[in-house]
């Protein structure tokens, strides 16, 4: 007579409970702008020998956290990340032509057209004849559709402003010079596939 088979014991995760899922309201990096504990350094982490090395590393960390935050915000409102970034460009620069959006984003004109089609279908923008050039269109945001997004970003902006209020005027001016210099570098260099 065969002995009854026992069901296998469920495996326990060695990692502990799953982490709390971050929400867009948490800000870049999944938390507020307050100092969060950094993950343990690994043997593969870049070594920072100078202050410039450390700044470059912090920029990379900030960009990565911002991208993930934007991806969560886009997902929350049912948009793709590219679509959300085009909305950001329109908020920053105002009504723009598709060509200007292509130049500002680095996307192809076809890629911009596809993204604009999705945004128009979702009610985020409208395209109108360009009064300065009858051959082109102007793309304009419809503000009523941005209310959910604005709520997600308002806490991040408020925390950023609180942190900036702790800096001296000379530190703020140095930070502004730094960002303007970075923008000059970015504007002078296009993405090249052979890099």
N, C-alpha and C. Protein backbone atom coordinates (compact mmCIF):
# COMPACT_ATOMS: atom_id res chain seq x y z
N UNK A 1 0.83 -1.19 0.00
CA UNK A 1 0.00 0.00 0.00
C UNK A 1 0.88 1.25 0.00
N UNK A 2 0.55 2.19 -0.90
CA UNK A 2 1.36 3.41 -1.03
C UNK A 2 1.06 4.38 0.08
N UNK A 3 2.11 5.05 0.54
CA UNK A 3 1.89 6.10 1.55
C UNK A 3 1.43 7.37 0.84
N UNK A 4 0.53 8.14 1.47
CA UNK A 4 0.03 9.36 0.83
C UNK A 4 1.16 10.37 0.63
N UNK A 5 1.11 11.05 -0.51
CA UNK A 5 2.13 12.05 -0.81
C UNK A 5 1.84 13.33 -0.05
N UNK A 6 2.90 13.88 0.49
CA UNK A 6 2.74 15.15 1.20
C UNK A 6 2.92 16.31 0.24
N UNK A 7 2.14 17.31 0.46
CA UNK A 7 2.30 18.54 -0.35
C UNK A 7 3.61 19.21 0.04
N UNK A 8 4.33 19.74 -0.95
CA UNK A 8 5.60 20.42 -0.61
C UNK A 8 5.32 21.66 0.24
N UNK A 9 6.27 21.93 1.15
CA UNK A 9 6.13 23.12 1.98
C UNK A 9 6.33 24.37 1.12
N UNK A 10 5.53 25.39 1.36
CA UNK A 10 5.73 26.62 0.60
C UNK A 10 7.09 27.23 0.94
N UNK A 11 7.75 27.76 -0.07
CA UNK A 11 9.05 28.37 0.15
C UNK A 11 8.88 29.76 0.73
N UNK A 12 9.74 30.05 1.67
CA UNK A 12 9.72 31.39 2.25
C UNK A 12 10.75 32.24 1.55
N UNK A 13 10.40 33.47 1.33
CA UNK A 13 11.34 34.40 0.72
C UNK A 13 12.41 34.76 1.74
N UNK A 14 13.62 34.77 1.31
CA UNK A 14 14.72 35.17 2.18
C UNK A 14 14.86 36.69 2.24
N UNK A 15 14.09 37.36 1.41
CA UNK A 15 14.22 38.81 1.33
C UNK A 15 13.29 39.54 2.29
N UNK A 16 12.44 38.86 2.99
CA UNK A 16 11.52 39.53 3.90
C UNK A 16 10.28 39.98 3.17
N UNK A 17 9.48 40.84 3.80
CA UNK A 17 8.23 41.27 3.17
C UNK A 17 8.52 42.12 1.93
N UNK A 18 7.59 42.13 0.98
CA UNK A 18 7.82 42.94 -0.20
C UNK A 18 7.85 44.41 0.17
N UNK A 19 8.66 45.22 -0.54
CA UNK A 19 8.72 46.64 -0.21
C UNK A 19 7.40 47.32 -0.55
N UNK A 20 7.10 48.39 0.17
CA UNK A 20 5.91 49.18 -0.11
C UNK A 20 6.05 49.77 -1.50
N UNK A 21 4.99 49.66 -2.28
CA UNK A 21 5.02 50.19 -3.64
C UNK A 21 4.96 51.71 -3.57
N UNK A 22 5.92 52.35 -4.19
CA UNK A 22 5.96 53.81 -4.20
C UNK A 22 4.85 54.34 -5.10
N UNK A 23 4.36 55.49 -4.76
CA UNK A 23 3.35 56.15 -5.58
C UNK A 23 3.92 57.43 -6.13
N UNK A 24 3.33 57.98 -7.20
CA UNK A 24 3.86 59.23 -7.74
C UNK A 24 3.89 60.35 -6.71
N UNK A 25 3.01 60.32 -5.72
CA UNK A 25 3.00 61.37 -4.70
C UNK A 25 4.24 61.29 -3.81
N UNK A 26 4.97 60.17 -3.86
CA UNK A 26 6.16 60.02 -3.04
C UNK A 26 7.33 60.87 -3.54
N UNK A 27 7.30 61.31 -4.78
CA UNK A 27 8.38 62.13 -5.31
C UNK A 27 9.44 61.29 -5.99
N UNK A 28 10.45 61.96 -6.59
CA UNK A 28 11.50 61.23 -7.29
C UNK A 28 12.17 60.22 -6.38
N UNK A 29 12.45 59.07 -6.93
CA UNK A 29 13.12 58.03 -6.18
C UNK A 29 12.19 57.27 -5.26
N UNK A 30 10.86 57.55 -5.33
CA UNK A 30 9.92 56.82 -4.52
C UNK A 30 9.75 57.37 -3.12
N UNK A 31 10.38 58.45 -2.78
CA UNK A 31 10.23 59.03 -1.46
C UNK A 31 10.27 60.53 -1.55
N UNK A 32 10.20 61.17 -0.43
CA UNK A 32 10.25 62.62 -0.45
C UNK A 32 11.68 63.04 -0.76
N UNK A 33 11.90 64.33 -0.86
CA UNK A 33 13.23 64.82 -1.17
C UNK A 33 14.14 64.81 0.05
N UNK A 34 13.62 64.39 1.22
CA UNK A 34 14.46 64.27 2.40
C UNK A 34 15.48 63.17 2.15
N UNK A 35 16.60 63.26 2.88
CA UNK A 35 17.64 62.26 2.66
C UNK A 35 17.12 60.88 3.00
N UNK A 36 17.23 60.00 2.05
CA UNK A 36 16.82 58.61 2.25
C UNK A 36 18.08 57.78 2.38
N UNK A 37 17.99 56.66 3.09
CA UNK A 37 19.19 55.82 3.19
C UNK A 37 19.60 55.32 1.81
N UNK A 38 20.89 55.36 1.57
CA UNK A 38 21.41 54.88 0.29
C UNK A 38 21.63 53.37 0.37
N UNK A 39 21.45 52.69 -0.76
CA UNK A 39 21.76 51.26 -0.76
C UNK A 39 23.25 51.05 -0.49
N UNK A 40 23.57 49.87 0.00
CA UNK A 40 24.97 49.57 0.26
C UNK A 40 25.78 49.68 -1.02
N UNK A 41 26.97 50.19 -0.90
CA UNK A 41 27.85 50.31 -2.06
C UNK A 41 28.28 48.92 -2.50
N UNK A 42 28.36 48.75 -3.80
CA UNK A 42 28.83 47.46 -4.31
C UNK A 42 30.23 47.64 -4.88
N UNK A 43 30.85 46.52 -5.16
CA UNK A 43 32.19 46.56 -5.72
C UNK A 43 32.20 47.22 -7.09
N UNK A 44 31.03 47.23 -7.75
CA UNK A 44 30.95 47.80 -9.10
C UNK A 44 30.57 49.28 -9.10
N UNK A 45 30.30 49.85 -7.92
CA UNK A 45 29.90 51.26 -7.87
C UNK A 45 31.05 52.14 -8.34
N UNK A 46 30.74 53.22 -9.08
CA UNK A 46 31.80 54.12 -9.54
C UNK A 46 32.54 54.73 -8.36
N UNK A 47 33.82 54.85 -8.49
CA UNK A 47 34.64 55.46 -7.45
C UNK A 47 34.75 56.96 -7.71
N UNK A 48 34.50 57.75 -6.70
CA UNK A 48 34.55 59.21 -6.83
C UNK A 48 35.83 59.72 -6.21
N UNK A 49 36.73 60.20 -7.06
CA UNK A 49 38.01 60.70 -6.58
C UNK A 49 37.98 62.22 -6.36
N UNK A 50 37.11 62.90 -7.08
CA UNK A 50 37.05 64.36 -6.99
C UNK A 50 35.61 64.80 -6.74
N UNK A 51 35.47 66.07 -6.42
CA UNK A 51 34.12 66.64 -6.25
C UNK A 51 33.37 66.56 -7.58
N UNK A 52 34.06 66.77 -8.69
CA UNK A 52 33.41 66.67 -10.00
C UNK A 52 32.87 65.25 -10.24
N UNK A 53 33.66 64.24 -9.85
CA UNK A 53 33.19 62.85 -9.98
C UNK A 53 31.91 62.65 -9.17
N UNK A 54 31.89 63.19 -7.96
CA UNK A 54 30.72 63.03 -7.09
C UNK A 54 29.51 63.74 -7.67
N UNK A 55 29.72 64.93 -8.25
CA UNK A 55 28.61 65.67 -8.87
C UNK A 55 28.03 64.89 -10.04
N UNK A 56 28.91 64.35 -10.89
CA UNK A 56 28.44 63.56 -12.03
C UNK A 56 27.63 62.36 -11.54
N UNK A 57 28.12 61.70 -10.50
CA UNK A 57 27.40 60.55 -9.96
C UNK A 57 26.04 60.96 -9.40
N UNK A 58 25.98 62.08 -8.68
CA UNK A 58 24.71 62.55 -8.13
C UNK A 58 23.73 62.95 -9.23
N UNK A 59 24.24 63.52 -10.31
CA UNK A 59 23.37 63.86 -11.46
C UNK A 59 22.77 62.58 -12.02
N UNK A 60 23.59 61.55 -12.19
CA UNK A 60 23.08 60.28 -12.71
C UNK A 60 22.02 59.69 -11.79
N UNK A 61 22.26 59.75 -10.48
CA UNK A 61 21.27 59.23 -9.53
C UNK A 61 19.97 60.01 -9.62
N UNK A 62 20.10 61.34 -9.70
CA UNK A 62 18.90 62.19 -9.77
C UNK A 62 18.11 61.92 -11.05
N UNK A 63 18.82 61.79 -12.16
CA UNK A 63 18.14 61.51 -13.44
C UNK A 63 17.42 60.17 -13.38
N UNK A 64 18.10 59.15 -12.86
CA UNK A 64 17.48 57.83 -12.78
C UNK A 64 16.22 57.87 -11.91
N UNK A 65 16.31 58.52 -10.75
CA UNK A 65 15.14 58.62 -9.86
C UNK A 65 14.01 59.40 -10.53
N UNK A 66 14.37 60.47 -11.24
CA UNK A 66 13.35 61.28 -11.92
C UNK A 66 12.66 60.50 -13.03
N UNK A 67 13.43 59.72 -13.77
CA UNK A 67 12.84 58.92 -14.84
C UNK A 67 11.84 57.92 -14.26
N UNK A 68 12.23 57.24 -13.18
CA UNK A 68 11.32 56.28 -12.57
C UNK A 68 10.07 56.96 -12.00
N UNK A 69 10.26 58.13 -11.39
CA UNK A 69 9.10 58.86 -10.88
C UNK A 69 8.16 59.25 -12.02
N UNK A 70 8.73 59.77 -13.12
CA UNK A 70 7.90 60.14 -14.27
C UNK A 70 7.21 58.92 -14.87
N UNK A 71 7.88 57.79 -14.88
CA UNK A 71 7.26 56.57 -15.41
C UNK A 71 6.07 56.17 -14.55
N UNK A 72 6.21 56.27 -13.22
CA UNK A 72 5.09 55.94 -12.34
C UNK A 72 3.94 56.93 -12.53
N UNK A 73 4.28 58.22 -12.66
CA UNK A 73 3.23 59.23 -12.87
C UNK A 73 2.50 58.97 -14.18
N UNK A 74 3.26 58.67 -15.24
CA UNK A 74 2.64 58.38 -16.55
C UNK A 74 1.72 57.18 -16.45
N UNK A 75 2.19 56.13 -15.79
CA UNK A 75 1.38 54.92 -15.64
C UNK A 75 0.09 55.22 -14.87
N UNK A 76 0.20 56.05 -13.85
CA UNK A 76 -0.95 56.39 -13.01
C UNK A 76 -2.08 57.03 -13.82
N UNK A 77 -1.72 57.83 -14.84
CA UNK A 77 -2.75 58.51 -15.64
C UNK A 77 -2.96 57.86 -17.00
N UNK A 78 -2.33 56.69 -17.22
CA UNK A 78 -2.56 55.95 -18.45
C UNK A 78 -1.81 56.47 -19.66
N UNK A 79 -0.66 57.11 -19.43
CA UNK A 79 0.15 57.62 -20.54
C UNK A 79 1.45 56.83 -20.63
N UNK A 80 2.09 56.92 -21.79
CA UNK A 80 3.44 56.41 -21.94
C UNK A 80 4.42 57.48 -21.46
N UNK A 81 5.63 57.06 -21.14
CA UNK A 81 6.65 58.00 -20.65
C UNK A 81 6.97 59.07 -21.69
N UNK A 82 7.07 58.68 -22.95
CA UNK A 82 7.36 59.67 -24.01
C UNK A 82 6.24 60.69 -24.10
N UNK A 83 5.00 60.23 -24.01
CA UNK A 83 3.86 61.15 -24.08
C UNK A 83 3.92 62.16 -22.94
N UNK A 84 4.22 61.67 -21.74
CA UNK A 84 4.30 62.57 -20.59
C UNK A 84 5.42 63.59 -20.77
N UNK A 85 6.56 63.15 -21.30
CA UNK A 85 7.67 64.07 -21.49
C UNK A 85 7.32 65.15 -22.52
N UNK A 86 6.56 64.79 -23.55
CA UNK A 86 6.12 65.81 -24.51
C UNK A 86 5.19 66.82 -23.83
N UNK A 87 4.34 66.35 -22.92
CA UNK A 87 3.51 67.29 -22.16
C UNK A 87 4.38 68.23 -21.33
N UNK A 88 5.44 67.69 -20.72
CA UNK A 88 6.36 68.55 -19.96
C UNK A 88 6.96 69.62 -20.87
N UNK A 89 7.40 69.22 -22.05
CA UNK A 89 7.98 70.20 -22.99
C UNK A 89 6.97 71.29 -23.33
N UNK A 90 5.73 70.90 -23.56
CA UNK A 90 4.70 71.89 -23.89
C UNK A 90 4.43 72.81 -22.69
N UNK A 91 4.47 72.27 -21.48
CA UNK A 91 4.28 73.11 -20.30
C UNK A 91 5.44 74.10 -20.15
N UNK A 92 6.64 73.65 -20.44
CA UNK A 92 7.82 74.50 -20.27
C UNK A 92 7.95 75.56 -21.36
N UNK A 93 7.55 75.22 -22.59
CA UNK A 93 7.81 76.11 -23.73
C UNK A 93 6.55 76.72 -24.34
N UNK A 94 5.39 76.28 -23.91
CA UNK A 94 4.15 76.82 -24.47
C UNK A 94 3.84 76.18 -25.81
N UNK A 95 2.83 76.72 -26.51
CA UNK A 95 2.44 76.15 -27.80
C UNK A 95 3.65 76.01 -28.72
N UNK A 96 3.77 74.84 -29.33
CA UNK A 96 4.95 74.52 -30.14
C UNK A 96 4.52 73.78 -31.40
N UNK A 97 5.37 73.83 -32.40
CA UNK A 97 5.12 73.05 -33.61
C UNK A 97 5.64 71.63 -33.38
N UNK A 98 5.16 70.66 -34.14
CA UNK A 98 5.72 69.32 -34.03
C UNK A 98 7.23 69.30 -34.29
N UNK A 99 7.69 70.13 -35.21
CA UNK A 99 9.13 70.21 -35.49
C UNK A 99 9.92 70.70 -34.28
N UNK A 100 9.39 71.70 -33.57
CA UNK A 100 10.05 72.18 -32.36
C UNK A 100 10.08 71.10 -31.29
N UNK A 101 8.99 70.34 -31.17
CA UNK A 101 8.96 69.25 -30.20
C UNK A 101 9.96 68.16 -30.56
N UNK A 102 10.09 67.88 -31.85
CA UNK A 102 11.08 66.88 -32.29
C UNK A 102 12.49 67.36 -31.95
N UNK A 103 12.78 68.63 -32.21
CA UNK A 103 14.11 69.16 -31.91
C UNK A 103 14.37 69.17 -30.40
N UNK A 104 13.36 69.53 -29.62
CA UNK A 104 13.54 69.59 -28.17
C UNK A 104 13.62 68.24 -27.49
N UNK A 105 13.03 67.23 -28.12
CA UNK A 105 12.99 65.90 -27.49
C UNK A 105 14.03 64.93 -28.06
N UNK A 106 14.50 65.21 -29.27
CA UNK A 106 15.40 64.27 -29.92
C UNK A 106 14.67 63.14 -30.62
N UNK A 107 13.33 63.19 -30.62
CA UNK A 107 12.54 62.17 -31.31
C UNK A 107 12.48 62.49 -32.80
N UNK A 108 12.19 61.48 -33.59
CA UNK A 108 11.97 61.70 -35.01
C UNK A 108 10.63 62.42 -35.20
N UNK A 109 10.44 63.05 -36.34
CA UNK A 109 9.16 63.72 -36.59
C UNK A 109 8.02 62.70 -36.58
N UNK A 110 8.27 61.50 -37.08
CA UNK A 110 7.25 60.46 -37.05
C UNK A 110 6.92 60.03 -35.63
N UNK A 111 7.94 59.92 -34.78
CA UNK A 111 7.72 59.55 -33.38
C UNK A 111 6.91 60.61 -32.64
N UNK A 112 7.20 61.87 -32.94
CA UNK A 112 6.43 62.96 -32.32
C UNK A 112 4.98 62.91 -32.78
N UNK A 113 4.77 62.68 -34.08
CA UNK A 113 3.41 62.64 -34.61
C UNK A 113 2.59 61.54 -33.95
N UNK A 114 3.18 60.36 -33.78
CA UNK A 114 2.48 59.24 -33.16
C UNK A 114 2.13 59.58 -31.71
N UNK A 115 3.08 60.17 -30.97
CA UNK A 115 2.82 60.52 -29.58
C UNK A 115 1.76 61.61 -29.49
N UNK A 116 1.81 62.60 -30.39
CA UNK A 116 0.80 63.66 -30.39
C UNK A 116 -0.59 63.10 -30.71
N UNK A 117 -0.64 62.13 -31.60
CA UNK A 117 -1.93 61.48 -31.91
C UNK A 117 -2.52 60.84 -30.65
N UNK A 118 -1.67 60.15 -29.88
CA UNK A 118 -2.15 59.51 -28.64
C UNK A 118 -2.62 60.55 -27.64
N UNK A 119 -1.86 61.64 -27.48
CA UNK A 119 -2.22 62.68 -26.52
C UNK A 119 -3.49 63.41 -26.93
N UNK A 120 -3.65 63.63 -28.23
CA UNK A 120 -4.88 64.29 -28.71
C UNK A 120 -6.08 63.38 -28.49
N UNK A 121 -5.92 62.09 -28.76
CA UNK A 121 -7.02 61.14 -28.56
C UNK A 121 -7.41 61.04 -27.09
N UNK A 122 -6.43 61.22 -26.19
CA UNK A 122 -6.70 61.15 -24.75
C UNK A 122 -7.19 62.49 -24.20
N UNK A 123 -7.26 63.52 -25.05
CA UNK A 123 -7.79 64.81 -24.63
C UNK A 123 -6.82 65.74 -23.94
N UNK A 124 -5.50 65.50 -24.10
CA UNK A 124 -4.51 66.33 -23.44
C UNK A 124 -4.10 67.56 -24.25
N UNK A 125 -4.34 67.55 -25.54
CA UNK A 125 -3.88 68.67 -26.35
C UNK A 125 -4.74 68.83 -27.59
N UNK A 126 -4.53 69.95 -28.25
CA UNK A 126 -5.18 70.17 -29.54
C UNK A 126 -4.13 70.70 -30.50
N UNK A 127 -4.37 70.46 -31.77
CA UNK A 127 -3.50 70.96 -32.84
C UNK A 127 -4.29 71.97 -33.65
N UNK A 128 -3.71 73.14 -33.88
CA UNK A 128 -4.38 74.22 -34.60
C UNK A 128 -3.45 74.75 -35.68
N UNK A 129 -4.00 75.39 -36.69
CA UNK A 129 -3.14 76.01 -37.70
C UNK A 129 -2.20 77.03 -37.04
N UNK A 130 -0.98 77.06 -37.50
CA UNK A 130 0.02 77.99 -36.98
C UNK A 130 -0.15 79.33 -37.68
N UNK A 131 -0.51 80.40 -36.96
CA UNK A 131 -0.72 81.69 -37.62
C UNK A 131 0.55 82.25 -38.25
N UNK A 132 1.73 81.81 -37.77
CA UNK A 132 2.99 82.31 -38.31
C UNK A 132 3.44 81.53 -39.54
N UNK A 133 2.87 80.35 -39.78
CA UNK A 133 3.28 79.51 -40.91
C UNK A 133 2.12 78.59 -41.26
N UNK A 134 1.45 78.89 -42.37
CA UNK A 134 0.26 78.11 -42.74
C UNK A 134 0.56 76.66 -43.05
N UNK A 135 1.83 76.32 -43.26
CA UNK A 135 2.19 74.94 -43.58
C UNK A 135 2.33 74.06 -42.33
N UNK A 136 2.34 74.69 -41.15
CA UNK A 136 2.55 73.89 -39.94
C UNK A 136 1.40 74.07 -38.94
N UNK A 137 1.48 73.28 -37.88
CA UNK A 137 0.46 73.32 -36.83
C UNK A 137 1.11 73.76 -35.52
N UNK A 138 0.28 74.30 -34.63
CA UNK A 138 0.72 74.58 -33.26
C UNK A 138 0.02 73.59 -32.34
N UNK A 139 0.79 73.01 -31.45
CA UNK A 139 0.27 72.06 -30.48
C UNK A 139 0.11 72.80 -29.15
N UNK A 140 -1.09 72.71 -28.57
CA UNK A 140 -1.40 73.42 -27.33
C UNK A 140 -1.99 72.44 -26.32
N UNK A 141 -1.55 72.56 -25.07
CA UNK A 141 -2.08 71.72 -23.98
C UNK A 141 -3.48 72.19 -23.60
N UNK A 142 -4.32 71.23 -23.24
CA UNK A 142 -5.64 71.53 -22.67
C UNK A 142 -5.51 71.39 -21.15
N UNK A 143 -5.42 72.51 -20.44
CA UNK A 143 -5.08 72.47 -19.00
C UNK A 143 -6.00 71.62 -18.13
N UNK A 144 -7.27 71.51 -18.47
CA UNK A 144 -8.19 70.78 -17.59
C UNK A 144 -7.78 69.32 -17.42
N UNK A 145 -7.08 68.76 -18.42
CA UNK A 145 -6.67 67.35 -18.35
C UNK A 145 -5.43 67.16 -17.48
N UNK A 146 -4.77 68.26 -17.08
CA UNK A 146 -3.52 68.13 -16.34
C UNK A 146 -3.70 68.15 -14.83
N UNK A 147 -4.93 68.22 -14.35
CA UNK A 147 -5.15 68.36 -12.92
C UNK A 147 -4.58 67.20 -12.11
N UNK A 148 -4.79 65.97 -12.55
CA UNK A 148 -4.23 64.82 -11.81
C UNK A 148 -2.71 64.84 -11.81
N UNK A 149 -2.14 65.17 -12.96
CA UNK A 149 -0.68 65.25 -13.03
C UNK A 149 -0.15 66.36 -12.14
N UNK A 150 -0.81 67.51 -12.15
CA UNK A 150 -0.36 68.64 -11.33
C UNK A 150 -0.35 68.25 -9.85
N UNK A 151 -1.34 67.51 -9.41
CA UNK A 151 -1.40 67.08 -8.01
C UNK A 151 -0.21 66.17 -7.68
N UNK A 152 0.19 65.31 -8.61
CA UNK A 152 1.31 64.40 -8.37
C UNK A 152 2.62 65.16 -8.23
N UNK A 153 2.79 66.20 -9.01
CA UNK A 153 4.05 66.93 -9.02
C UNK A 153 4.10 68.07 -7.99
N UNK A 154 2.95 68.49 -7.45
CA UNK A 154 2.96 69.65 -6.56
C UNK A 154 3.73 69.39 -5.27
N UNK A 155 3.63 68.18 -4.71
CA UNK A 155 4.35 67.91 -3.47
C UNK A 155 5.86 67.89 -3.71
N UNK A 156 6.28 67.38 -4.86
CA UNK A 156 7.71 67.37 -5.19
C UNK A 156 8.22 68.80 -5.33
N UNK A 157 7.44 69.64 -6.02
CA UNK A 157 7.86 71.03 -6.19
C UNK A 157 7.91 71.75 -4.85
N UNK A 158 6.92 71.51 -3.99
CA UNK A 158 6.90 72.17 -2.68
C UNK A 158 8.12 71.77 -1.84
N UNK A 159 8.46 70.48 -1.85
CA UNK A 159 9.64 70.04 -1.09
C UNK A 159 10.92 70.60 -1.68
N UNK A 160 10.98 70.69 -3.00
CA UNK A 160 12.17 71.27 -3.63
C UNK A 160 12.32 72.73 -3.22
N UNK A 161 11.21 73.47 -3.21
CA UNK A 161 11.26 74.87 -2.81
C UNK A 161 11.66 75.02 -1.34
N UNK A 162 11.18 74.12 -0.48
CA UNK A 162 11.59 74.17 0.93
C UNK A 162 13.09 73.94 1.07
N UNK A 163 13.62 72.98 0.31
CA UNK A 163 15.05 72.71 0.38
C UNK A 163 15.85 73.89 -0.17
N UNK A 164 15.39 74.49 -1.27
CA UNK A 164 16.09 75.63 -1.84
C UNK A 164 16.10 76.82 -0.89
N UNK A 165 15.07 76.94 -0.07
CA UNK A 165 14.99 78.05 0.88
C UNK A 165 16.07 77.96 1.96
N UNK A 166 16.69 76.79 2.11
CA UNK A 166 17.74 76.62 3.11
C UNK A 166 19.11 77.05 2.56
N UNK A 167 19.20 77.28 1.25
CA UNK A 167 20.48 77.63 0.64
C UNK A 167 20.69 79.14 0.65
N UNK A 168 21.95 79.55 0.68
CA UNK A 168 22.28 80.97 0.60
C UNK A 168 22.04 81.47 -0.82
N UNK A 169 21.95 82.78 -0.95
CA UNK A 169 21.75 83.37 -2.27
C UNK A 169 22.90 83.02 -3.21
N UNK A 170 24.14 83.01 -2.68
CA UNK A 170 25.28 82.67 -3.54
C UNK A 170 25.23 81.20 -3.97
N UNK A 171 24.74 80.30 -3.10
CA UNK A 171 24.58 78.89 -3.48
C UNK A 171 23.52 78.75 -4.57
N UNK A 172 22.43 79.49 -4.42
CA UNK A 172 21.37 79.45 -5.43
C UNK A 172 21.88 79.95 -6.77
N UNK A 173 22.65 81.04 -6.75
CA UNK A 173 23.20 81.58 -8.00
C UNK A 173 24.18 80.60 -8.65
N UNK A 174 24.99 79.93 -7.82
CA UNK A 174 25.94 78.94 -8.36
C UNK A 174 25.18 77.76 -8.96
N UNK A 175 24.10 77.34 -8.31
CA UNK A 175 23.28 76.24 -8.84
C UNK A 175 22.66 76.62 -10.17
N UNK A 176 22.16 77.84 -10.24
CA UNK A 176 21.56 78.32 -11.49
C UNK A 176 22.59 78.39 -12.61
N UNK A 177 23.80 78.88 -12.31
CA UNK A 177 24.87 78.90 -13.33
C UNK A 177 25.20 77.49 -13.80
N UNK A 178 25.23 76.56 -12.86
CA UNK A 178 25.54 75.16 -13.19
C UNK A 178 24.49 74.60 -14.16
N UNK A 179 23.19 74.79 -13.85
CA UNK A 179 22.15 74.26 -14.73
C UNK A 179 22.16 74.94 -16.09
N UNK A 180 22.45 76.23 -16.13
CA UNK A 180 22.54 76.92 -17.43
C UNK A 180 23.70 76.40 -18.25
N UNK A 181 24.82 76.12 -17.59
CA UNK A 181 25.97 75.56 -18.30
C UNK A 181 25.64 74.16 -18.83
N UNK A 182 24.96 73.35 -18.02
CA UNK A 182 24.56 72.01 -18.48
C UNK A 182 23.62 72.10 -19.67
N UNK A 183 22.69 73.05 -19.64
CA UNK A 183 21.76 73.22 -20.75
C UNK A 183 22.51 73.59 -22.02
N UNK A 184 23.53 74.42 -21.90
CA UNK A 184 24.34 74.78 -23.06
C UNK A 184 25.03 73.56 -23.66
N UNK A 185 25.54 72.69 -22.79
CA UNK A 185 26.19 71.46 -23.27
C UNK A 185 25.17 70.58 -23.97
N UNK A 186 24.00 70.41 -23.34
CA UNK A 186 22.95 69.55 -23.91
C UNK A 186 22.47 70.09 -25.25
N UNK A 187 22.31 71.41 -25.33
CA UNK A 187 21.80 72.01 -26.56
C UNK A 187 22.80 71.88 -27.71
N UNK A 188 24.09 71.84 -27.38
CA UNK A 188 25.09 71.79 -28.44
C UNK A 188 25.38 70.37 -28.92
N UNK A 189 24.80 69.39 -28.24
CA UNK A 189 25.09 67.99 -28.57
C UNK A 189 23.81 67.23 -28.83
N UNK A 190 23.73 66.62 -30.00
CA UNK A 190 22.57 65.78 -30.28
C UNK A 190 22.93 64.33 -29.98
N UNK A 191 21.92 63.52 -29.76
CA UNK A 191 22.18 62.10 -29.53
C UNK A 191 22.70 61.48 -30.82
N UNK A 192 23.85 60.81 -30.73
CA UNK A 192 24.39 60.15 -31.91
C UNK A 192 24.43 58.65 -31.66
N UNK A 193 24.04 57.90 -32.64
CA UNK A 193 24.00 56.45 -32.48
C UNK A 193 25.39 55.81 -32.49
N UNK A 194 26.41 56.54 -32.98
CA UNK A 194 27.74 55.95 -33.08
C UNK A 194 28.59 56.22 -31.85
N UNK A 195 28.03 56.83 -30.80
CA UNK A 195 28.81 57.10 -29.57
C UNK A 195 29.05 55.82 -28.80
